[in-house]
Amino acid sequence: MKQNKTLFELQSEVCKTLASPKRLEILNALKEGEKTVSELVEILGVPKANVSQHLAVMRHKGILKSRREGVNIHYSVANPKVIQACILMREVLTEQMREKSNLIDLVSKG
C-alpha cells in the first residue's frame, strides 16, 4: 500500500510538470526525435531563456534527457510512453470537445 502511495505521488509530480501548455508543445516538438535548444526556440517562437527553463524542469523530473555535442545540447524524450500518454490524453479531449459540439448543435436545432 505504501508503494502505491509513493507511485501516486510521483505520478502527480509528473502531471504537475506537464500542466504547462509550453511544455506540452515542447514534447510535441520532440516526438519525432531530439532537437537542440535553438531548434526548439525556432519551432516554438519563444525566447531561449524561456525554452531553457522549461527544458531544465522536464529534465530534472526525468521526462527529458540531454546530451552535449560541442556547444549544442540536444534534448529528447526519456521514455516514449510519455508521448503516448500525451497523445491518448489529447484524443480524450478531442472526443469530449466533439461531444460538447454535437450537444450544442442539438440544443440550437431543437
Protein backbone atom coordinates (compact mmCIF):
# COMPACT_ATOMS: atom_id res chain seq x y z
CA MET A 1 0.00 0.00 0.00
CA LYS A 2 2.86 2.38 0.83
CA GLN A 3 4.39 1.66 -2.58
CA ASN A 4 1.13 2.68 -4.31
CA LYS A 5 1.05 5.93 -2.34
CA THR A 6 4.60 6.73 -3.44
CA LEU A 7 3.73 5.90 -7.05
CA PHE A 8 0.67 8.18 -6.93
CA GLU A 9 2.82 10.99 -5.53
CA LEU A 10 5.37 10.54 -8.33
CA GLN A 11 2.59 10.44 -10.93
CA SER A 12 1.18 13.66 -9.50
CA GLU A 13 4.57 15.35 -9.79
CA VAL A 14 4.89 14.35 -13.46
CA CYS A 15 1.35 15.57 -14.15
CA LYS A 16 2.13 18.91 -12.48
CA THR A 17 5.24 19.22 -14.61
CA LEU A 18 3.20 18.57 -17.76
CA ALA A 19 0.48 21.05 -16.71
CA SER A 20 2.17 23.77 -18.78
CA PRO A 21 0.96 24.22 -22.38
CA LYS A 22 4.51 25.26 -23.40
CA ARG A 23 5.96 22.04 -22.00
CA LEU A 24 3.37 20.03 -23.92
CA GLU A 25 4.37 21.93 -27.06
CA ILE A 26 8.00 21.04 -26.38
CA LEU A 27 7.08 17.36 -26.00
CA ASN A 28 5.12 17.54 -29.23
CA ALA A 29 8.16 19.02 -30.99
CA LEU A 30 10.36 16.25 -29.58
CA LYS A 31 8.08 13.35 -30.55
CA GLU A 32 9.88 13.00 -33.90
CA GLY A 33 13.31 12.93 -32.28
CA GLU A 34 15.88 15.01 -30.47
CA LYS A 35 16.30 18.72 -31.03
CA THR A 36 18.69 21.42 -29.89
CA VAL A 37 17.57 24.37 -27.80
CA SER A 38 17.93 26.61 -30.86
CA GLU A 39 15.69 24.33 -32.93
CA LEU A 40 13.06 24.37 -30.20
CA VAL A 41 13.25 28.17 -29.93
CA GLU A 42 12.59 28.41 -33.66
CA ILE A 43 9.70 25.91 -33.56
CA LEU A 44 8.02 27.44 -30.50
CA GLY A 45 8.74 31.10 -31.23
CA VAL A 46 9.59 31.93 -27.62
CA PRO A 47 12.78 33.32 -26.05
CA LYS A 48 15.70 30.95 -25.49
CA ALA A 49 15.69 31.61 -21.74
CA ASN A 50 12.05 30.53 -21.54
CA VAL A 51 12.65 27.32 -23.52
CA SER A 52 15.77 26.53 -21.48
CA GLN A 53 13.85 26.94 -18.22
CA HIS A 54 11.11 24.52 -19.33
CA LEU A 55 13.69 22.02 -20.59
CA ALA A 56 15.56 22.13 -17.28
CA VAL A 57 12.40 21.42 -15.29
CA MET A 58 11.43 18.49 -17.51
CA ARG A 59 14.97 17.09 -17.47
CA HIS A 60 15.09 17.38 -13.67
CA LYS A 61 11.81 15.41 -13.43
CA GLY A 62 13.15 12.68 -15.74
CA ILE A 63 10.77 13.45 -18.61
CA LEU A 64 13.59 14.54 -20.92
CA LYS A 65 17.20 13.56 -21.33
CA SER A 66 20.00 15.59 -22.82
CA ARG A 67 23.39 15.15 -24.42
CA ARG A 68 26.05 17.67 -25.24
CA GLU A 69 27.67 17.85 -28.66
CA GLY A 70 30.18 20.69 -28.83
CA VAL A 71 28.35 23.87 -27.83
CA ASN A 72 24.91 22.37 -28.51
CA ILE A 73 22.73 20.49 -26.08
CA HIS A 74 20.34 18.01 -27.67
CA TYR A 75 17.11 17.12 -25.87
CA SER A 76 14.94 14.07 -26.33
CA VAL A 77 12.09 12.32 -24.53
CA ALA A 78 13.42 9.96 -21.87
CA ASN A 79 10.61 7.42 -22.34
CA PRO A 80 8.42 7.26 -25.47
CA LYS A 81 5.46 6.24 -23.31
CA VAL A 82 5.25 9.87 -22.15
CA ILE A 83 4.44 10.85 -25.75
CA GLN A 84 1.88 8.02 -25.96
CA ALA A 85 0.24 9.26 -22.75
CA CYS A 86 0.04 12.81 -24.13
CA ILE A 87 -1.45 11.57 -27.40
CA LEU A 88 -4.02 9.49 -25.52
CA MET A 89 -5.00 12.47 -23.36
CA ARG A 90 -5.32 14.68 -26.44
CA GLU A 91 -7.60 12.04 -28.03
CA VAL A 92 -9.80 12.02 -24.92
CA LEU A 93 -10.03 15.82 -25.00
CA THR A 94 -10.81 15.84 -28.73
CA GLU A 95 -13.64 13.37 -28.16
CA GLN A 96 -15.00 15.50 -25.31
CA MET A 97 -14.90 18.62 -27.48
CA ARG A 98 -16.72 16.76 -30.27
CA GLU A 99 -19.40 15.55 -27.86
CA LYS A 100 -19.93 19.08 -26.50
CA SER A 101 -20.11 20.46 -30.02
CA ASN A 102 -22.69 17.83 -31.01
CA LEU A 103 -24.71 18.64 -27.88
CA ILE A 104 -24.63 22.37 -28.66
CA ASP A 105 -25.75 21.62 -32.24
CA LEU A 106 -28.66 19.53 -30.94
CA VAL A 107 -29.77 22.23 -28.49
CA SER A 108 -29.54 25.01 -31.06
CA LYS A 109 -31.54 22.98 -33.61
CA GLY A 110 -34.12 21.83 -31.08
